[in-house]
Amino acid sequence: MRISISHVSEYTYEGPSAPSVQALRLHPAPANGQTVLSWSVDAPGIDKAATYTDAFGNRVELVAAPADRTVMRITAGGEIETTDNGGVAGLTGEFVAQGAFLRSNPIAAACPGIVALAEAARDPDRLATLHALMAAIGAHMTYETDTTDAQTTAATAFANRRGVCQDYAHIFIAAARHLEIPARYVTGYLLLDDGSGASAHHAWAEALVDHIGWVGFDATNDLCPTERYVRLGSAFDAASAAPIRGVRRQRGRETLTVQVAVRDLGQSQTQSQSQGQSQTQQ
């Protein structure tokens, strides 16, 4: 499948802005089942950005934005070719030791309720455990916007039984780590079935499975990522995997609006040629 993505983040300030520094993780890396056909990122000061690869394998652009702005606009987008590989990302070559993804952290810590849910899903087969865990979280939670925020912990969302994709992923990560299964947070994009595009970027979790590597689990939708998913980046949790993260020294209100459009461009040229060859051979 060939997918077009447009991701626009616009910051509006009360009065001219002070200098700010933004770490942009907005470049989807080539991955199993995913090929980047074209991609670009634009932001104030990006022509002088310092670029590096972080410990999780994400490309980072460190941008020092000029001062005296009332609006700062950051755009990213391009075209991605995807195939359905059952959610298997494989071994992705990050520098962080796999054991580090077993460590609990405050936002993705397991409370007694998450521990009980994890234990109920436990199975000698790790894949069976993870699928049961994904289904149990989906059954426990109700997707509801405006009930949580970026600081909401897995324990709080679980207790309230409501949240968004970030909360579902944090609960899954907390439960998997309790079961001694390395797990991490993934950001990306999702093409909706109706082709209307997404209102914001999506998030899910990945867990490490012996002899397979990292496998994605989207508890929000109770399925492993398909060709409709585009993987952007990964880290320990939502904060460390955030596509845009920065600091600024300024008083006054800041307003952020995000617009994401994800479109189906149809079959890729490679896929069309492959199917054509198959039909000719038949």
Protein backbone atom coordinates (compact mmCIF):
# COMPACT_ATOMS: atom_id res chain seq x y z
CA MET A 1 0.00 0.00 0.00
CA ARG A 2 1.18 3.50 -0.77
CA ILE A 3 0.32 6.07 1.90
CA SER A 4 0.59 9.87 1.87
CA ILE A 5 1.04 11.70 5.18
CA SER A 6 0.87 15.38 6.10
CA HIS A 7 1.64 16.34 9.71
CA VAL A 8 1.39 20.03 10.69
CA SER A 9 2.00 21.37 14.22
CA GLU A 10 1.38 25.08 14.81
CA TYR A 11 2.32 26.92 18.00
CA THR A 12 0.69 30.29 18.67
CA TYR A 13 2.13 32.58 21.37
CA GLU A 14 0.79 35.47 23.40
CA GLY A 15 3.20 38.10 22.17
CA PRO A 16 6.51 37.58 20.33
CA SER A 17 8.22 34.30 21.20
CA ALA A 18 11.51 33.87 23.04
CA PRO A 19 14.24 31.65 21.60
CA SER A 20 13.36 27.95 21.86
CA VAL A 21 14.98 24.60 21.21
CA GLN A 22 12.96 21.73 19.70
CA ALA A 23 13.98 18.10 19.30
CA LEU A 24 12.13 16.78 16.22
CA ARG A 25 11.63 13.03 15.79
CA LEU A 26 9.62 13.34 12.62
CA HIS A 27 11.49 11.08 10.17
CA PRO A 28 10.08 7.55 9.79
CA ALA A 29 13.02 5.19 9.50
CA PRO A 30 13.08 2.33 6.97
CA ALA A 31 11.61 -0.67 8.78
CA ASN A 32 10.33 -4.18 8.19
CA GLY A 33 7.26 -3.80 5.97
CA GLN A 34 7.85 -0.08 5.47
CA THR A 35 9.83 1.84 2.84
CA VAL A 36 10.19 5.63 2.82
CA LEU A 37 9.62 6.82 -0.75
CA SER A 38 9.86 10.54 0.03
CA TRP A 39 9.86 12.62 3.21
CA SER A 40 10.66 16.15 4.31
CA VAL A 41 10.55 18.17 7.53
CA ASP A 42 10.39 21.96 7.71
CA ALA A 43 10.63 24.23 10.75
CA PRO A 44 12.09 27.62 11.63
CA GLY A 45 15.85 27.20 12.00
CA ILE A 46 15.97 23.71 10.52
CA ASP A 47 18.60 24.74 7.99
CA LYS A 48 21.06 24.98 10.90
CA ALA A 49 19.76 21.97 12.84
CA ALA A 50 22.09 19.49 14.51
CA THR A 51 21.10 15.99 13.35
CA TYR A 52 21.86 12.75 15.18
CA THR A 53 20.48 9.26 15.86
CA ASP A 54 19.37 8.70 19.45
CA ALA A 55 19.83 5.51 21.47
CA PHE A 56 16.47 4.18 20.27
CA GLY A 57 17.43 4.48 16.60
CA ASN A 58 15.30 7.57 15.95
CA ARG A 59 16.62 10.35 13.74
CA VAL A 60 16.56 13.60 15.72
CA GLU A 61 16.85 17.16 14.42
CA LEU A 62 17.74 19.65 17.16
CA VAL A 63 16.34 22.99 16.05
CA ALA A 64 17.01 26.39 17.62
CA ALA A 65 14.00 28.46 16.57
CA PRO A 66 14.45 32.23 16.11
CA ALA A 67 12.78 34.61 18.56
CA ASP A 68 10.13 37.30 18.02
CA ARG A 69 7.51 35.09 16.41
CA THR A 70 3.82 34.91 17.26
CA VAL A 71 3.41 31.65 15.30
CA MET A 72 5.78 28.72 14.80
CA ARG A 73 4.83 26.09 12.24
CA ILE A 74 6.46 22.66 11.95
CA THR A 75 5.54 20.45 9.00
CA ALA A 76 6.45 16.90 8.06
CA GLY A 77 5.19 14.62 5.33
CA GLY A 78 5.80 12.42 2.36
CA GLU A 79 4.94 9.02 0.94
CA ILE A 80 5.47 5.59 2.50
CA GLU A 81 5.13 2.14 0.95
CA THR A 82 3.87 -0.50 3.39
CA THR A 83 3.13 -4.22 3.45
CA ASP A 84 1.29 -6.27 6.06
CA ASN A 85 3.81 -8.29 8.06
CA GLY A 86 1.60 -9.16 11.01
CA GLY A 87 3.02 -6.38 13.14
CA VAL A 88 6.55 -7.80 13.15
CA ALA A 89 9.14 -5.02 13.30
CA GLY A 90 11.95 -7.53 13.90
CA LEU A 91 15.31 -6.56 15.34
CA THR A 92 15.57 -2.82 14.74
CA GLY A 93 19.18 -2.16 15.75
CA GLU A 94 18.67 0.33 18.58
CA PHE A 95 21.62 0.99 20.91
CA VAL A 96 19.59 0.56 24.11
CA ALA A 97 20.05 -2.88 25.67
CA GLN A 98 16.89 -4.97 25.44
CA GLY A 99 16.88 -5.46 29.20
CA ALA A 100 16.39 -1.71 29.68
CA PHE A 101 12.85 -2.12 28.33
CA LEU A 102 12.02 -4.19 31.43
CA ARG A 103 12.50 -1.25 33.79
CA SER A 104 9.38 0.33 35.21
CA ASN A 105 9.01 4.10 35.06
CA PRO A 106 6.43 6.37 36.73
CA ILE A 107 4.11 6.86 33.75
CA ALA A 108 4.08 3.17 32.77
CA ALA A 109 4.19 1.49 36.17
CA ALA A 110 1.96 -1.48 36.97
CA CYS A 111 -0.65 -0.92 39.70
CA PRO A 112 -2.41 -3.88 41.43
CA GLY A 113 -5.16 -3.85 38.81
CA ILE A 114 -2.69 -3.99 35.91
CA VAL A 115 -0.76 -6.75 37.70
CA ALA A 116 -3.96 -8.80 38.04
CA LEU A 117 -4.82 -8.28 34.38
CA ALA A 118 -1.29 -9.31 33.36
CA GLU A 119 -1.33 -12.44 35.49
CA ALA A 120 -4.68 -13.47 34.02
CA ALA A 121 -3.15 -13.22 30.53
CA ARG A 122 -0.01 -15.21 31.43
CA ASP A 123 0.59 -18.24 29.18
CA PRO A 124 3.65 -20.46 28.57
CA ASP A 125 3.65 -19.13 25.00
CA ARG A 126 4.79 -15.49 24.95
CA LEU A 127 2.85 -14.59 21.80
CA ALA A 128 -0.34 -16.03 23.28
CA THR A 129 0.26 -14.01 26.44
CA LEU A 130 0.69 -10.77 24.50
CA HIS A 131 -2.41 -11.32 22.36
CA ALA A 132 -4.46 -12.10 25.48
CA LEU A 133 -3.07 -8.99 27.15
CA MET A 134 -4.01 -6.81 24.17
CA ALA A 135 -7.57 -8.17 24.14
CA ALA A 136 -7.98 -7.78 27.91
CA ILE A 137 -6.91 -4.12 27.83
CA GLY A 138 -9.30 -3.42 24.98
CA ALA A 139 -12.15 -5.04 26.94
CA HIS A 140 -11.31 -3.13 30.12
CA MET A 141 -10.87 0.32 28.57
CA THR A 142 -13.21 2.69 26.72
CA TYR A 143 -11.69 5.04 24.15
CA GLU A 144 -12.60 8.57 25.16
CA THR A 145 -10.85 11.83 24.34
CA ASP A 146 -10.37 14.72 26.77
CA THR A 147 -10.28 12.41 29.81
CA THR A 148 -6.48 12.12 30.05
CA ASP A 149 -3.46 14.23 29.17
CA ALA A 150 0.25 13.81 28.50
CA GLN A 151 1.00 13.35 32.22
CA THR A 152 -1.67 10.71 32.90
CA THR A 153 -0.15 7.49 34.22
CA ALA A 154 -1.08 3.97 33.17
CA ALA A 155 -2.43 3.35 36.68
CA THR A 156 -4.75 6.38 36.58
CA ALA A 157 -6.11 5.59 33.11
CA PHE A 158 -6.63 1.94 34.12
CA ALA A 159 -8.51 2.94 37.27
CA ASN A 160 -10.74 5.34 35.32
CA ARG A 161 -11.20 2.78 32.51
CA ARG A 162 -10.98 5.57 29.94
CA GLY A 163 -8.31 7.07 27.76
CA VAL A 164 -6.74 7.40 24.32
CA CYS A 165 -4.14 5.41 22.41
CA GLN A 166 -1.30 6.77 24.59
CA ASP A 167 -2.99 5.34 27.70
CA TYR A 168 -3.72 1.95 26.11
CA ALA A 169 -0.06 1.68 25.09
CA HIS A 170 1.23 2.65 28.55
CA ILE A 171 -1.04 0.06 30.21
CA PHE A 172 0.15 -2.64 27.79
CA ILE A 173 3.80 -1.71 28.44
CA ALA A 174 3.33 -1.74 32.22
CA ALA A 175 1.65 -5.16 32.12
CA ALA A 176 4.22 -6.69 29.76
CA ARG A 177 7.13 -5.45 31.86
CA HIS A 178 5.50 -6.93 34.96
CA LEU A 179 5.55 -10.27 33.13
CA GLU A 180 9.29 -9.77 32.42
CA ILE A 181 8.64 -9.10 28.72
CA PRO A 182 10.57 -6.13 27.26
CA ALA A 183 8.10 -3.58 25.89
CA ARG A 184 8.31 -0.10 24.37
CA TYR A 185 6.17 2.77 23.15
CA VAL A 186 5.74 3.44 19.41
CA THR A 187 4.51 6.57 17.66
CA GLY A 188 3.26 6.63 14.10
CA TYR A 189 0.29 7.10 11.83
CA LEU A 190 -2.81 5.06 11.07
CA LEU A 191 -4.84 5.07 7.86
CA LEU A 192 -8.47 4.71 8.90
CA ASP A 193 -10.63 2.15 7.13
CA ASP A 194 -12.92 4.82 5.69
CA GLY A 195 -9.95 6.60 4.10
CA SER A 196 -10.87 9.88 5.76
CA GLY A 197 -7.46 10.34 7.38
CA ALA A 198 -6.56 10.65 11.04
CA SER A 199 -7.05 13.63 13.34
CA ALA A 200 -3.69 13.07 15.03
CA HIS A 201 -0.80 10.67 15.04
CA HIS A 202 -1.33 7.22 16.58
CA ALA A 203 0.48 5.21 19.25
CA TRP A 204 0.83 1.54 20.13
CA ALA A 205 3.27 -0.79 21.89
CA GLU A 206 5.88 -3.31 20.81
CA ALA A 207 7.03 -6.32 22.80
CA LEU A 208 10.08 -8.52 22.30
CA VAL A 209 9.42 -12.12 21.27
CA ASP A 210 12.18 -14.74 21.07
CA HIS A 211 13.23 -15.73 17.52
CA ILE A 212 10.95 -13.04 16.05
CA GLY A 213 12.07 -9.69 17.45
CA TRP A 214 9.85 -6.73 18.23
CA VAL A 215 6.14 -7.26 17.52
CA GLY A 216 3.53 -4.47 17.56
CA PHE A 217 0.31 -4.64 19.59
CA ASP A 218 -2.35 -1.94 19.23
CA ALA A 219 -4.63 -2.44 22.24
CA THR A 220 -6.75 0.54 21.16
CA ASN A 221 -7.94 -1.38 18.10
CA ASP A 222 -7.19 -4.92 19.35
CA LEU A 223 -4.92 -5.90 16.47
CA CYS A 224 -1.30 -6.07 15.44
CA PRO A 225 -0.23 -3.30 13.05
CA THR A 226 -1.09 -3.94 9.39
CA GLU A 227 -0.16 -2.19 6.14
CA ARG A 228 -2.33 0.72 7.33
CA TYR A 229 0.21 1.63 10.02
CA VAL A 230 3.30 3.78 9.51
CA ARG A 231 5.92 3.49 12.23
CA LEU A 232 7.55 6.81 13.14
CA GLY A 233 9.70 6.12 16.22
CA SER A 234 9.98 4.31 19.54
CA ALA A 235 11.29 4.76 23.08
CA PHE A 236 10.49 3.89 26.72
CA ASP A 237 7.22 5.86 26.88
CA ALA A 238 5.25 8.69 25.26
CA ALA A 239 7.52 11.44 26.60
CA SER A 240 10.77 9.93 25.33
CA ALA A 241 9.21 9.03 21.97
CA ALA A 242 7.43 12.37 21.42
CA PRO A 243 7.67 13.53 17.77
CA ILE A 244 8.22 17.11 18.98
CA ARG A 245 9.73 17.98 22.33
CA GLY A 246 11.25 21.31 23.31
CA VAL A 247 11.91 24.05 25.82
CA ARG A 248 11.39 27.80 25.70
CA ARG A 249 11.84 30.68 28.13
CA GLN A 250 8.79 32.87 27.87
CA ARG A 251 5.81 34.01 29.87
CA GLY A 252 2.37 33.95 28.38
CA ARG A 253 0.12 31.36 26.89
CA GLU A 254 1.08 28.88 24.19
CA THR A 255 -1.56 27.19 22.03
CA LEU A 256 -0.81 24.10 19.96
CA THR A 257 -2.92 22.86 17.06
CA VAL A 258 -2.08 19.64 15.21
CA GLN A 259 -3.43 18.56 11.83
CA VAL A 260 -2.61 15.14 10.41
CA ALA A 261 -3.88 13.78 7.11
CA VAL A 262 -3.24 10.15 6.17
CA ARG A 263 -4.32 9.15 2.66
CA ASP A 264 -4.38 5.95 0.65
CA LEU A 265 -2.65 6.42 -2.71
CA GLY A 266 -3.47 2.88 -3.82
CA GLN A 267 -1.13 0.08 -4.72
CA SER A 268 2.55 0.84 -4.99
CA GLN A 269 4.24 0.38 -8.33
CA THR A 270 6.27 -2.52 -6.91
CA GLN A 271 3.17 -4.31 -5.67
CA SER A 272 1.37 -3.80 -8.99
CA GLN A 273 4.32 -5.21 -10.93
CA SER A 274 4.53 -8.20 -8.59
CA GLN A 275 0.83 -9.01 -9.01
CA GLY A 276 1.09 -8.57 -12.77
CA GLN A 277 3.99 -11.03 -12.96
CA SER A 278 2.05 -13.52 -10.83
CA GLN A 279 -1.00 -13.33 -13.12
CA THR A 280 1.20 -13.76 -16.21
CA GLN A 281 2.79 -16.91 -14.74
CA GLN A 282 -0.63 -18.38 -13.99
